[in-house]
C-alpha atoms as a PDB file:
ATOM      1  CA  MET A   1      18.049  -1.629 -16.611  1.00  0.00           C
ATOM      2  CA  LEU A   2      16.110  -0.423 -13.602  1.00  0.00           C
ATOM      3  CA  MET A   3      14.134   2.790 -13.530  1.00  0.00           C
ATOM      4  CA  ILE A   4      13.390   4.993 -10.524  1.00  0.00           C
ATOM      5  CA  ILE A   5      10.492   7.428 -10.817  1.00  0.00           C
ATOM      6  CA  ILE A   6       9.306  10.134  -8.449  1.00  0.00           C
ATOM      7  CA  PHE A   7       5.652  10.390  -9.337  1.00  0.00           C
ATOM      8  CA  ASN A   8       5.002  13.963  -8.359  1.00  0.00           C
ATOM      9  CA  LEU A   9       7.424  14.990 -11.107  1.00  0.00           C
ATOM     10  CA  PHE A  10       5.871  12.957 -13.927  1.00  0.00           C
ATOM     11  CA  SER A  11       2.592  12.654 -15.810  1.00  0.00           C
ATOM     12  CA  ASN A  12      -0.222  10.213 -15.133  1.00  0.00           C
ATOM     13  CA  VAL A  13       0.472   8.607 -18.503  1.00  0.00           C
ATOM     14  CA  LEU A  14       4.000   7.727 -17.437  1.00  0.00           C
ATOM     15  CA  ALA A  15       2.706   6.427 -14.115  1.00  0.00           C
ATOM     16  CA  GLN A  16       0.269   4.185 -15.951  1.00  0.00           C
ATOM     17  CA  ASN A  17       3.065   2.812 -18.117  1.00  0.00           C
ATOM     18  CA  VAL A  18       5.121   1.976 -15.050  1.00  0.00           C
ATOM     19  CA  GLU A  19       2.130   0.336 -13.385  1.00  0.00           C
ATOM     20  CA  GLU A  20       1.740  -1.921 -16.414  1.00  0.00           C
ATOM     21  CA  SER A  21       5.324  -3.128 -15.955  1.00  0.00           C
ATOM     22  CA  LEU A  22       4.792  -4.341 -12.388  1.00  0.00           C
ATOM     23  CA  PRO A  23       4.270  -8.044 -11.714  1.00  0.00           C
ATOM     24  CA  SER A  24       0.951  -9.523 -10.706  1.00  0.00           C
ATOM     25  CA  PHE A  25       0.438 -12.230  -8.104  1.00  0.00           C
ATOM     26  CA  GLU A  26      -2.126 -14.963  -7.572  1.00  0.00           C
ATOM     27  CA  GLN A  27      -4.271 -16.045  -4.647  1.00  0.00           C
ATOM     28  CA  PRO A  28      -4.556 -17.702  -2.173  1.00  0.00           C
ATOM     29  CA  ILE A  29      -1.639 -16.231  -0.264  1.00  0.00           C
ATOM     30  CA  LEU A  30       0.278 -17.154   2.868  1.00  0.00           C
ATOM     31  CA  ILE A  31       1.364 -14.222   5.057  1.00  0.00           C
ATOM     32  CA  THR A  32       4.163 -14.786   7.537  1.00  0.00           C
ATOM     33  CA  SER A  33       6.733 -12.814   9.484  1.00  0.00           C
ATOM     34  CA  ALA A  34      10.471 -12.530   9.290  1.00  0.00           C
ATOM     35  CA  GLY A  35      11.353 -11.253  12.741  1.00  0.00           C
ATOM     36  CA  GLN A  36       7.961 -11.518  14.516  1.00  0.00           C
ATOM     37  CA  SER A  37       7.168  -7.805  14.532  1.00  0.00           C
ATOM     38  CA  ALA A  38       3.610  -6.521  14.928  1.00  0.00           C
ATOM     39  CA  GLU A  39       3.466  -5.395  11.292  1.00  0.00           C
ATOM     40  CA  VAL A  40       2.650  -8.925  10.145  1.00  0.00           C
ATOM     41  CA  GLN A  41      -0.768  -8.586  11.779  1.00  0.00           C
ATOM     42  CA  LEU A  42      -1.241  -5.235  10.057  1.00  0.00           C
ATOM     43  CA  ALA A  43      -0.402  -6.800   6.705  1.00  0.00           C
ATOM     44  CA  SER A  44      -3.024  -9.463   7.310  1.00  0.00           C
ATOM     45  CA  VAL A  45      -5.671  -6.865   8.120  1.00  0.00           C
ATOM     46  CA  LEU A  46      -4.852  -4.908   4.958  1.00  0.00           C
ATOM     47  CA  ALA A  47      -4.992  -8.082   2.870  1.00  0.00           C
ATOM     48  CA  LYS A  48      -8.419  -8.938   4.255  1.00  0.00           C
ATOM     49  CA  ARG A  49      -9.664  -5.396   3.630  1.00  0.00           C
ATOM     50  CA  ALA A  50      -8.386  -5.694   0.057  1.00  0.00           C
ATOM     51  CA  GLY A  51     -10.587  -8.752  -0.337  1.00  0.00           C
ATOM     52  CA  LEU A  52      -7.700 -11.181  -0.704  1.00  0.00           C
ATOM     53  CA  GLU A  53      -7.842 -14.875   0.108  1.00  0.00           C
ATOM     54  CA  ALA A  54      -5.111 -14.740   2.721  1.00  0.00           C
ATOM     55  CA  THR A  55      -3.934 -16.937   5.566  1.00  0.00           C
ATOM     56  CA  LEU A  56      -1.872 -15.447   8.389  1.00  0.00           C
ATOM     57  CA  SER A  57       0.647 -17.743  10.029  1.00  0.00           C
ATOM     58  CA  LYS A  58       3.311 -15.894  11.993  1.00  0.00           C
ATOM     59  CA  LEU A  59       5.365 -19.071  12.384  1.00  0.00           C
ATOM     60  CA  ALA A  60       4.542 -20.619   9.014  1.00  0.00           C
ATOM     61  CA  THR A  61       6.187 -23.892   8.047  1.00  0.00           C
ATOM     62  CA  VAL A  62       6.767 -25.401   4.628  1.00  0.00           C
ATOM     63  CA  GLU A  63       3.668 -27.586   4.980  1.00  0.00           C
ATOM     64  CA  GLU A  64       1.507 -24.471   4.990  1.00  0.00           C
ATOM     65  CA  LEU A  65       2.572 -23.594   1.452  1.00  0.00           C
ATOM     66  CA  THR A  66       0.318 -26.351   0.119  1.00  0.00           C
ATOM     67  CA  ASP A  67      -2.166 -24.900  -2.405  1.00  0.00           C
ATOM     68  CA  LYS A  68      -0.805 -21.375  -1.906  1.00  0.00           C
ATOM     69  CA  LYS A  69       0.018 -19.190  -4.918  1.00  0.00           C
ATOM     70  CA  THR A  70       2.017 -16.404  -3.244  1.00  0.00           C
ATOM     71  CA  LEU A  71       4.185 -16.108  -0.135  1.00  0.00           C
ATOM     72  CA  VAL A  72       4.064 -12.705   1.567  1.00  0.00           C
ATOM     73  CA  LEU A  73       6.947 -12.041   3.940  1.00  0.00           C
ATOM     74  CA  VAL A  74       6.607  -9.124   6.365  1.00  0.00           C
ATOM     75  CA  ILE A  75      10.125  -8.192   7.441  1.00  0.00           C
ATOM     76  CA  GLY A  76      10.800  -6.585  10.806  1.00  0.00           C
ATOM     77  CA  ALA A  77      12.597  -7.819  13.910  1.00  0.00           C
ATOM     78  CA  SER A  78      11.056  -7.571  17.380  1.00  0.00           C
ATOM     79  CA  LEU A  79      12.853  -9.047  20.361  1.00  0.00           C
ATOM     80  CA  LYS A  80       9.542  -9.059  22.228  1.00  0.00           C
ATOM     81  CA  GLY A  81       7.844 -10.886  19.386  1.00  0.00           C
ATOM     82  CA  LEU A  82      10.650 -13.392  19.027  1.00  0.00           C
ATOM     83  CA  GLY A  83      10.613 -14.011  22.764  1.00  0.00           C
ATOM     84  CA  ALA A  84       6.863 -14.582  22.777  1.00  0.00           C
ATOM     85  CA  ALA A  85       7.313 -17.084  19.933  1.00  0.00           C
ATOM     86  CA  GLY A  86      10.096 -18.869  21.811  1.00  0.00           C
ATOM     87  CA  LEU A  87      12.622 -18.209  19.043  1.00  0.00           C
ATOM     88  CA  ASP A  88      16.012 -16.596  18.779  1.00  0.00           C
ATOM     89  CA  VAL A  89      17.131 -14.777  15.651  1.00  0.00           C
ATOM     90  CA  ASP A  90      19.013 -17.751  14.214  1.00  0.00           C
ATOM     91  CA  GLU A  91      16.006 -20.027  14.612  1.00  0.00           C
ATOM     92  CA  GLU A  92      13.767 -17.466  12.943  1.00  0.00           C
ATOM     93  CA  LYS A  93      16.170 -17.079  10.032  1.00  0.00           C
ATOM     94  CA  LYS A  94      16.350 -20.843   9.618  1.00  0.00           C
ATOM     95  CA  ARG A  95      12.546 -21.084   9.555  1.00  0.00           C
ATOM     96  CA  VAL A  96      12.152 -18.313   7.003  1.00  0.00           C
ATOM     97  CA  ARG A  97      14.989 -19.584   4.825  1.00  0.00           C
ATOM     98  CA  SER A  98      13.447 -23.048   4.635  1.00  0.00           C
ATOM     99  CA  LEU A  99      10.089 -21.483   3.778  1.00  0.00           C
ATOM    100  CA  ILE A 100      11.584 -19.447   0.928  1.00  0.00           C
ATOM    101  CA  GLU A 101      13.515 -22.422  -0.407  1.00  0.00           C
ATOM    102  CA  GLU A 102      10.355 -24.521  -0.479  1.00  0.00           C
ATOM    103  CA  ALA A 103       8.422 -21.697  -2.142  1.00  0.00           C
ATOM    104  CA  GLN A 104      11.087 -21.507  -4.836  1.00  0.00           C
ATOM    105  CA  ALA A 105      10.922 -25.286  -5.326  1.00  0.00           C
ATOM    106  CA  GLN A 106       7.159 -24.982  -5.851  1.00  0.00           C
ATOM    107  CA  ASP A 107       7.403 -21.909  -8.106  1.00  0.00           C
ATOM    108  CA  ILE A 108       5.592 -19.777  -5.528  1.00  0.00           C
ATOM    109  CA  PRO A 109       6.590 -16.098  -5.840  1.00  0.00           C
ATOM    110  CA  LEU A 110       7.716 -14.057  -2.845  1.00  0.00           C
ATOM    111  CA  LEU A 111       6.377 -10.581  -2.061  1.00  0.00           C
ATOM    112  CA  CYS A 112       8.292  -8.757   0.687  1.00  0.00           C
ATOM    113  CA  LEU A 113       6.811  -5.963   2.794  1.00  0.00           C
ATOM    114  CA  HIS A 114       8.480  -3.633   5.276  1.00  0.00           C
ATOM    115  CA  LEU A 115       5.785  -1.592   7.017  1.00  0.00           C
ATOM    116  CA  GLY A 116       7.528  -0.567  10.233  1.00  0.00           C
ATOM    117  CA  GLY A 117       9.257   2.517   8.842  1.00  0.00           C
ATOM    118  CA  GLY A 118      12.477   3.881  10.260  1.00  0.00           C
ATOM    119  CA  ALA A 119      11.505   2.913  13.794  1.00  0.00           C
ATOM    120  CA  ARG A 120      11.659  -0.786  12.865  1.00  0.00           C
ATOM    121  CA  ARG A 121      15.082  -0.542  11.258  1.00  0.00           C
ATOM    122  CA  GLY A 122      18.127  -1.672  13.218  1.00  0.00           C
ATOM    123  CA  GLN A 123      20.832  -4.306  13.108  1.00  0.00           C
ATOM    124  CA  LEU A 124      18.476  -7.270  13.530  1.00  0.00           C
ATOM    125  CA  THR A 125      15.959  -6.070  10.969  1.00  0.00           C
ATOM    126  CA  ASP A 126      18.699  -5.057   8.536  1.00  0.00           C
ATOM    127  CA  ASP A 127      20.169  -8.544   8.788  1.00  0.00           C
ATOM    128  CA  LEU A 128      16.793 -10.018   7.846  1.00  0.00           C
ATOM    129  CA  ILE A 129      16.426  -7.555   4.980  1.00  0.00           C
ATOM    130  CA  THR A 130      19.804  -8.390   3.477  1.00  0.00           C
ATOM    131  CA  SER A 131      19.203 -12.111   3.974  1.00  0.00           C
ATOM    132  CA  PHE A 132      15.763 -12.437   2.387  1.00  0.00           C
ATOM    133  CA  LEU A 133      15.043  -9.437   0.175  1.00  0.00           C
ATOM    134  CA  PRO A 134      17.169 -10.717  -2.759  1.00  0.00           C
ATOM    135  CA  SER A 135      14.744 -13.643  -3.146  1.00  0.00           C
ATOM    136  CA  ALA A 136      11.698 -11.399  -3.665  1.00  0.00           C
ATOM    137  CA  GLN A 137       9.796 -10.867  -6.889  1.00  0.00           C
ATOM    138  CA  MET A 138       8.573  -7.489  -5.630  1.00  0.00           C
ATOM    139  CA  VAL A 139       9.140  -5.276  -2.580  1.00  0.00           C
ATOM    140  CA  ILE A 140       6.858  -2.730  -0.914  1.00  0.00           C
ATOM    141  CA  VAL A 141       8.444  -0.465   1.697  1.00  0.00           C
ATOM    142  CA  LEU A 142       7.261   2.426   3.821  1.00  0.00           C
ATOM    143  CA  GLU A 143       9.297   5.383   2.592  1.00  0.00           C
ATOM    144  CA  SER A 144      10.577   6.261   6.060  1.00  0.00           C
ATOM    145  CA  GLY A 145      12.115   2.791   6.300  1.00  0.00           C
ATOM    146  CA  ASN A 146      14.289   3.355   3.235  1.00  0.00           C
ATOM    147  CA  GLN A 147      15.924   6.654   4.103  1.00  0.00           C
ATOM    148  CA  ASP A 148      19.389   5.135   3.811  1.00  0.00           C
ATOM    149  CA  GLY A 149      18.572   3.504   0.467  1.00  0.00           C
ATOM    150  CA  LEU A 150      19.132  -0.062   1.671  1.00  0.00           C
ATOM    151  CA  PHE A 151      16.021  -1.362  -0.083  1.00  0.00           C
ATOM    152  CA  THR A 152      16.841   0.576  -3.232  1.00  0.00           C
ATOM    153  CA  ARG A 153      20.365  -0.791  -3.329  1.00  0.00           C
ATOM    154  CA  ILE A 154      19.355  -4.426  -2.833  1.00  0.00           C
ATOM    155  CA  CYS A 155      16.553  -4.186  -5.374  1.00  0.00           C
ATOM    156  CA  GLU A 156      18.836  -2.558  -7.926  1.00  0.00           C
ATOM    157  CA  GLU A 157      21.447  -5.271  -7.483  1.00  0.00           C
ATOM    158  CA  ASN A 158      18.851  -8.028  -7.908  1.00  0.00           C
ATOM    159  CA  ASN A 159      16.583  -6.385 -10.500  1.00  0.00           C
ATOM    160  CA  ILE A 160      13.543  -6.439  -8.199  1.00  0.00           C
ATOM    161  CA  PRO A 161      10.567  -4.074  -8.590  1.00  0.00           C
ATOM    162  CA  LEU A 162      10.408  -1.750  -5.570  1.00  0.00           C
ATOM    163  CA  ILE A 163       7.541   0.496  -4.508  1.00  0.00           C
ATOM    164  CA  ALA A 164       7.961   3.050  -1.720  1.00  0.00           C
ATOM    165  CA  ILE A 165       4.788   4.407  -0.107  1.00  0.00           C
ATOM    166  CA  GLU A 166       4.121   7.334   2.212  1.00  0.00           C
ATOM    167  CA  LYS A 167       1.575   5.725   4.526  1.00  0.00           C
ATOM    168  CA  THR A 168       0.827   2.151   5.499  1.00  0.00           C
ATOM    169  CA  ILE A 169      -2.817   2.470   4.421  1.00  0.00           C
ATOM    170  CA  ASP A 170      -1.571   3.024   0.852  1.00  0.00           C
ATOM    171  CA  VAL A 171      -0.778  -0.688   0.736  1.00  0.00           C
ATOM    172  CA  LEU A 172      -4.501  -1.401   0.542  1.00  0.00           C
ATOM    173  CA  ASP A 173      -5.096  -0.133  -2.996  1.00  0.00           C
ATOM    174  CA  LEU A 174      -1.727  -1.440  -4.110  1.00  0.00           C
ATOM    175  CA  LEU A 175      -2.650  -4.964  -3.020  1.00  0.00           C
ATOM    176  CA  LYS A 176      -5.839  -4.724  -5.064  1.00  0.00           C
ATOM    177  CA  ARG A 177      -3.660  -3.872  -8.069  1.00  0.00           C
ATOM    178  CA  ILE A 178      -1.120  -6.635  -7.826  1.00  0.00           C
ATOM    179  CA  PHE A 179      -3.601  -9.295  -6.681  1.00  0.00           C
ATOM    180  CA  PRO A 180      -6.426  -8.996  -9.232  1.00  0.00           C
ATOM    181  CA  SER A 181      -9.459 -11.143  -8.565  1.00  0.00           C
ATOM    182  CA  LYS A 182      -9.995 -14.055 -10.916  1.00  0.00           C
ATOM    183  CA  GLY A 183     -11.851 -12.887 -13.998  1.00  0.00           C
ATOM    184  CA  ALA A 184     -11.930  -9.288 -12.746  1.00  0.00           C
ATOM    185  CA  GLU A 185     -10.213  -6.212 -14.105  1.00  0.00           C
ATOM    186  CA  ARG A 186      -8.073  -4.009 -11.942  1.00  0.00           C
ATOM    187  CA  PRO A 187      -9.524  -0.870 -10.365  1.00  0.00           C
ATOM    188  CA  GLU A 188      -9.656   2.072 -12.770  1.00  0.00           C
ATOM    189  CA  SER A 189      -7.775   4.403 -10.453  1.00  0.00           C
ATOM    190  CA  MET A 190      -4.635   4.143  -8.387  1.00  0.00           C
ATOM    191  CA  PRO A 191      -3.597   6.774  -5.825  1.00  0.00           C
ATOM    192  CA  TRP A 192      -0.206   7.310  -7.477  1.00  0.00           C
ATOM    193  CA  GLU A 193       0.194  10.602  -5.638  1.00  0.00           C
ATOM    194  CA  THR A 194       0.650   8.576  -2.438  1.00  0.00           C
ATOM    195  CA  ILE A 195       3.411   6.483  -3.962  1.00  0.00           C
ATOM    196  CA  THR A 196       6.657   8.365  -3.693  1.00  0.00           C
ATOM    197  CA  GLU A 197       8.945   6.107  -5.678  1.00  0.00           C
ATOM    198  CA  VAL A 198       8.722   3.181  -8.010  1.00  0.00           C
ATOM    199  CA  GLN A 199      11.701   1.217  -9.182  1.00  0.00           C
ATOM    200  CA  THR A 200      10.799  -1.307 -11.835  1.00  0.00           C
ATOM    201  CA  GLY A 201      12.679  -4.416 -12.763  1.00  0.00           C
ATOM    202  CA  SER A 202      11.885  -7.919 -13.863  1.00  0.00           C
ATOM    203  CA  ARG A 203      12.402 -11.345 -12.377  1.00  0.00           C
ATOM    204  CA  ALA A 204      12.217 -14.065 -14.986  1.00  0.00           C
ATOM    205  CA  SER A 205      11.518 -16.800 -12.451  1.00  0.00           C
ATOM    206  CA  PHE A 206       8.000 -17.830 -11.421  1.00  0.00           C
ATOM    207  CA  GLY A 207       6.521 -16.647 -14.736  1.00  0.00           C
ATOM    208  CA  LEU A 208       5.022 -13.461 -13.301  1.00  0.00           C
ATOM    209  CA  GLY A 209       2.895 -11.560 -15.766  1.00  0.00           C
ATOM    210  CA  SER A 210       2.578  -7.840 -16.373  1.00  0.00           C
ATOM    211  CA  VAL A 211      -0.394  -5.828 -15.199  1.00  0.00           C
END
């Protein structure tokens, strides 16, 4: 059963218990886009600032999954971005679908991010969300991008942990939590007050551990 928690209504002890139920991911990671929006670059910058071993490839192919431990998919459609990449929506969906299928074949977990907020939502982005989100092992979404509950609904139906954040910068500390350095403990503090909602679930595939 899934659990949704609004952290400003609960104690730090409960927040810590929920944190311990979230999956952890391994490095190195491959960051790519689903929709060619500018947020994929932002995700890469945040990953670097978090000290992660991350490779950004906006048009990643299955060959680039070699030696990677996590696939990070930044979802958000941009007609300008697609045009600059020389792709239409169907071609982009085909590329991403093949990437996810290969990741699954190699037991590489998928972390999905939506950092564009409500402004990035729309028919094209929503199509990408409904197409690829069910394959994720965890989802991080800017709260303003989930006002209609689309992310909540998909994650509930597929038993996927979902974290909603207030500000994009909040992803930084969260990445440090779910991507612990080898042989290092997680940071002692987590800015839970900036996380507005956590929905926990479990995905048995990929052997993700608890943190």
